[in-house]
Amino acid sequence: MLMRLREYQEENGNLDIETTDSENSDLRQWLNEQRHYYKTEQKSRITPERIEALEGIEGFSWRKRRQGLSKDDWSQLFVAIKDKGIAP
């Protein structure tokens, strides 16, 4: 799975495996499990070597990328709405 994850990153330039990507659904599930094991400190399920290997993949993060708008995006949207003269 580590090899597949590296290949996915090289092909796509990121590690954001969409839920609509049925070909890589098992890879997405595996990656979510690794993050869960790390977060909950289930060290029997994730070795220090695997942690190091995952952290060595470009763009890897222990946190999933949040979907939707960021706080900055929302702030910019509200400023633009205010500039247009639209009241709440």
N, C-alpha and C. Protein backbone atom coordinates (compact mmCIF):
# COMPACT_ATOMS: atom_id res chain seq x y z
N MET A 1 0.82 -1.19 0.00
CA MET A 1 0.00 0.00 0.00
C MET A 1 0.86 1.26 0.00
N LEU A 2 1.99 1.19 0.69
CA LEU A 2 2.90 2.34 0.67
C LEU A 2 3.37 2.63 -0.75
N MET A 3 3.70 1.58 -1.49
CA MET A 3 4.13 1.78 -2.88
C MET A 3 3.00 2.39 -3.71
N ARG A 4 1.79 1.88 -3.53
CA ARG A 4 0.64 2.43 -4.27
C ARG A 4 0.40 3.88 -3.90
N LEU A 5 0.58 4.21 -2.61
CA LEU A 5 0.37 5.59 -2.18
C LEU A 5 1.41 6.51 -2.81
N ARG A 6 2.64 6.06 -2.85
CA ARG A 6 3.70 6.85 -3.53
C ARG A 6 3.38 7.03 -5.00
N GLU A 7 2.96 5.96 -5.66
CA GLU A 7 2.59 6.03 -7.08
C GLU A 7 1.42 6.99 -7.29
N TYR A 8 0.44 6.92 -6.40
CA TYR A 8 -0.71 7.81 -6.51
C TYR A 8 -0.26 9.27 -6.41
N GLN A 9 0.61 9.55 -5.46
CA GLN A 9 1.11 10.92 -5.28
C GLN A 9 1.87 11.37 -6.52
N GLU A 10 2.71 10.50 -7.07
CA GLU A 10 3.48 10.87 -8.26
C GLU A 10 2.57 11.13 -9.46
N GLU A 11 1.52 10.33 -9.61
CA GLU A 11 0.61 10.48 -10.75
C GLU A 11 -0.32 11.68 -10.61
N ASN A 12 -0.76 11.97 -9.37
CA ASN A 12 -1.78 13.00 -9.14
C ASN A 12 -1.25 14.28 -8.51
N GLY A 13 -0.03 14.23 -7.97
CA GLY A 13 0.54 15.41 -7.35
C GLY A 13 -0.03 15.72 -5.98
N ASN A 14 -0.84 14.81 -5.44
CA ASN A 14 -1.42 15.00 -4.11
C ASN A 14 -1.83 13.64 -3.56
N LEU A 15 -2.30 13.66 -2.32
CA LEU A 15 -2.76 12.43 -1.68
C LEU A 15 -4.24 12.52 -1.32
N ASP A 16 -4.97 13.36 -2.02
CA ASP A 16 -6.39 13.56 -1.78
C ASP A 16 -7.18 12.58 -2.64
N ILE A 17 -7.41 11.39 -2.13
CA ILE A 17 -8.12 10.36 -2.88
C ILE A 17 -9.61 10.60 -2.71
N GLU A 18 -10.25 10.98 -3.77
CA GLU A 18 -11.67 11.34 -3.72
C GLU A 18 -12.54 10.11 -3.46
N THR A 19 -13.66 10.32 -2.82
CA THR A 19 -14.58 9.21 -2.54
C THR A 19 -15.17 8.64 -3.83
N THR A 20 -15.14 9.40 -4.90
CA THR A 20 -15.66 8.93 -6.18
C THR A 20 -14.64 8.07 -6.93
N ASP A 21 -13.42 7.98 -6.43
CA ASP A 21 -12.35 7.19 -7.06
C ASP A 21 -12.46 5.74 -6.60
N SER A 22 -13.34 4.99 -7.26
CA SER A 22 -13.58 3.60 -6.83
C SER A 22 -12.37 2.71 -7.05
N GLU A 23 -11.53 3.05 -8.00
CA GLU A 23 -10.33 2.25 -8.27
C GLU A 23 -9.37 2.28 -7.09
N ASN A 24 -9.35 3.36 -6.35
CA ASN A 24 -8.43 3.51 -5.22
C ASN A 24 -9.16 3.58 -3.88
N SER A 25 -10.37 3.06 -3.80
CA SER A 25 -11.12 3.12 -2.55
C SER A 25 -10.42 2.35 -1.43
N ASP A 26 -9.78 1.23 -1.78
CA ASP A 26 -9.06 0.47 -0.76
C ASP A 26 -7.84 1.24 -0.26
N LEU A 27 -7.19 1.99 -1.14
CA LEU A 27 -6.04 2.80 -0.76
C LEU A 27 -6.48 3.95 0.16
N ARG A 28 -7.60 4.58 -0.18
CA ARG A 28 -8.15 5.66 0.65
C ARG A 28 -8.48 5.12 2.04
N GLN A 29 -9.13 3.95 2.09
CA GLN A 29 -9.49 3.34 3.37
C GLN A 29 -8.24 3.02 4.19
N TRP A 30 -7.23 2.46 3.55
CA TRP A 30 -5.99 2.12 4.23
C TRP A 30 -5.33 3.37 4.80
N LEU A 31 -5.28 4.44 4.02
CA LEU A 31 -4.68 5.69 4.46
C LEU A 31 -5.45 6.26 5.66
N ASN A 32 -6.78 6.21 5.60
CA ASN A 32 -7.59 6.68 6.74
C ASN A 32 -7.31 5.85 7.99
N GLU A 33 -7.13 4.55 7.82
CA GLU A 33 -6.82 3.69 8.96
C GLU A 33 -5.46 4.04 9.57
N GLN A 34 -4.47 4.31 8.72
CA GLN A 34 -3.15 4.67 9.23
C GLN A 34 -3.23 5.94 10.05
N ARG A 35 -3.98 6.92 9.55
CA ARG A 35 -4.16 8.17 10.29
C ARG A 35 -4.86 7.91 11.62
N HIS A 36 -5.86 7.04 11.60
CA HIS A 36 -6.58 6.70 12.83
C HIS A 36 -5.66 6.03 13.84
N TYR A 37 -4.88 5.05 13.39
CA TYR A 37 -3.97 4.35 14.29
C TYR A 37 -2.96 5.32 14.90
N TYR A 38 -2.45 6.22 14.08
CA TYR A 38 -1.47 7.20 14.57
C TYR A 38 -2.11 8.12 15.61
N LYS A 39 -3.30 8.62 15.27
CA LYS A 39 -3.99 9.57 16.13
C LYS A 39 -4.36 8.95 17.48
N THR A 40 -4.79 7.70 17.46
CA THR A 40 -5.23 7.04 18.69
C THR A 40 -4.09 6.28 19.36
N GLU A 41 -2.90 6.43 18.81
CA GLU A 41 -1.70 5.81 19.36
C GLU A 41 -1.82 4.30 19.52
N GLN A 42 -2.42 3.66 18.52
CA GLN A 42 -2.49 2.21 18.50
C GLN A 42 -1.19 1.69 17.87
N LYS A 43 -0.14 1.78 18.63
CA LYS A 43 1.21 1.49 18.12
C LYS A 43 1.37 0.05 17.65
N SER A 44 0.53 -0.85 18.15
CA SER A 44 0.63 -2.23 17.67
C SER A 44 0.15 -2.35 16.23
N ARG A 45 -0.59 -1.35 15.76
CA ARG A 45 -1.15 -1.37 14.40
C ARG A 45 -0.32 -0.56 13.41
N ILE A 46 0.55 0.33 13.92
CA ILE A 46 1.37 1.14 13.03
C ILE A 46 2.77 1.26 13.63
N THR A 47 3.75 0.81 12.87
CA THR A 47 5.12 0.76 13.37
C THR A 47 5.83 2.10 13.15
N PRO A 48 6.90 2.34 13.90
CA PRO A 48 7.69 3.55 13.68
C PRO A 48 8.23 3.62 12.24
N GLU A 49 8.53 2.47 11.66
CA GLU A 49 9.02 2.44 10.28
C GLU A 49 7.94 2.90 9.30
N ARG A 50 6.71 2.48 9.54
CA ARG A 50 5.62 2.91 8.65
C ARG A 50 5.34 4.39 8.83
N ILE A 51 5.41 4.87 10.06
CA ILE A 51 5.23 6.30 10.31
C ILE A 51 6.27 7.10 9.53
N GLU A 52 7.51 6.67 9.61
CA GLU A 52 8.60 7.35 8.90
C GLU A 52 8.39 7.28 7.38
N ALA A 53 7.96 6.13 6.89
CA ALA A 53 7.73 5.98 5.45
C ALA A 53 6.60 6.89 4.97
N LEU A 54 5.51 6.96 5.73
CA LEU A 54 4.40 7.83 5.36
C LEU A 54 4.83 9.30 5.37
N GLU A 55 5.56 9.69 6.42
CA GLU A 55 6.01 11.07 6.52
C GLU A 55 7.01 11.43 5.43
N GLY A 56 7.62 10.43 4.82
CA GLY A 56 8.57 10.66 3.74
C GLY A 56 7.92 10.88 2.38
N ILE A 57 6.62 10.69 2.29
CA ILE A 57 5.90 10.90 1.03
C ILE A 57 5.52 12.37 0.91
N GLU A 58 5.91 12.96 -0.19
CA GLU A 58 5.65 14.39 -0.41
C GLU A 58 4.16 14.69 -0.30
N GLY A 59 3.84 15.70 0.49
CA GLY A 59 2.46 16.13 0.65
C GLY A 59 1.67 15.37 1.69
N PHE A 60 2.30 14.38 2.33
CA PHE A 60 1.58 13.61 3.34
C PHE A 60 1.33 14.45 4.59
N SER A 61 0.15 14.25 5.17
CA SER A 61 -0.20 14.90 6.43
C SER A 61 -0.99 13.90 7.27
N TRP A 62 -0.82 13.97 8.57
CA TRP A 62 -1.59 13.09 9.44
C TRP A 62 -3.04 13.55 9.53
N ARG A 63 -3.31 14.74 9.06
CA ARG A 63 -4.69 15.24 9.03
C ARG A 63 -5.20 15.20 7.62
N LYS A 64 -6.47 14.84 7.47
CA LYS A 64 -7.08 14.85 6.16
C LYS A 64 -7.29 16.29 5.72
N ARG A 65 -7.23 16.47 4.42
CA ARG A 65 -7.52 17.79 3.86
C ARG A 65 -9.00 18.06 4.08
N ARG A 66 -9.26 19.24 4.62
CA ARG A 66 -10.65 19.60 4.87
C ARG A 66 -11.33 19.95 3.56
N GLN A 67 -12.53 19.48 3.43
CA GLN A 67 -13.34 19.80 2.26
C GLN A 67 -14.04 21.13 2.51
N GLY A 68 -14.31 21.85 1.45
CA GLY A 68 -15.05 23.09 1.58
C GLY A 68 -14.16 24.30 1.75
N LEU A 69 -14.77 25.38 2.16
CA LEU A 69 -14.08 26.66 2.28
C LEU A 69 -13.33 26.78 3.59
N SER A 70 -12.20 27.45 3.54
CA SER A 70 -11.43 27.73 4.75
C SER A 70 -11.99 28.98 5.42
N LYS A 71 -11.49 29.28 6.62
CA LYS A 71 -11.91 30.49 7.31
C LYS A 71 -11.56 31.72 6.49
N ASP A 72 -10.38 31.71 5.85
CA ASP A 72 -9.99 32.84 5.00
C ASP A 72 -10.93 32.99 3.81
N ASP A 73 -11.33 31.85 3.21
CA ASP A 73 -12.27 31.90 2.09
C ASP A 73 -13.58 32.55 2.52
N TRP A 74 -14.09 32.13 3.69
CA TRP A 74 -15.34 32.70 4.19
C TRP A 74 -15.18 34.20 4.47
N SER A 75 -14.06 34.57 5.07
CA SER A 75 -13.83 35.99 5.37
C SER A 75 -13.83 36.82 4.09
N GLN A 76 -13.14 36.33 3.06
CA GLN A 76 -13.10 37.04 1.78
C GLN A 76 -14.49 37.13 1.16
N LEU A 77 -15.27 36.06 1.30
CA LEU A 77 -16.62 36.07 0.76
C LEU A 77 -17.49 37.11 1.46
N PHE A 78 -17.40 37.17 2.79
CA PHE A 78 -18.19 38.15 3.53
C PHE A 78 -17.78 39.58 3.20
N VAL A 79 -16.49 39.82 3.03
CA VAL A 79 -16.02 41.15 2.64
C VAL A 79 -16.58 41.52 1.26
N ALA A 80 -16.55 40.56 0.34
CA ALA A 80 -17.06 40.83 -1.01
C ALA A 80 -18.55 41.11 -0.97
N ILE A 81 -19.28 40.40 -0.15
CA ILE A 81 -20.73 40.63 -0.03
C ILE A 81 -20.98 42.03 0.55
N LYS A 82 -20.22 42.38 1.58
CA LYS A 82 -20.36 43.71 2.19
C LYS A 82 -20.03 44.79 1.17
N ASP A 83 -18.97 44.60 0.40
CA ASP A 83 -18.57 45.58 -0.62
C ASP A 83 -19.65 45.77 -1.68
N LYS A 84 -20.44 44.74 -1.93
CA LYS A 84 -21.53 44.83 -2.90
C LYS A 84 -22.76 45.52 -2.32
N GLY A 85 -22.71 45.79 -1.00
CA GLY A 85 -23.83 46.46 -0.36
C GLY A 85 -24.95 45.51 0.03
N ILE A 86 -24.65 44.26 0.13
CA ILE A 86 -25.67 43.30 0.53
C ILE A 86 -25.65 43.16 2.04
N ALA A 87 -26.78 43.40 2.67
CA ALA A 87 -26.89 43.32 4.11
C ALA A 87 -27.31 41.91 4.53
N PRO A 88 -26.98 41.55 5.78
CA PRO A 88 -27.39 40.22 6.26
C PRO A 88 -28.90 40.03 6.23
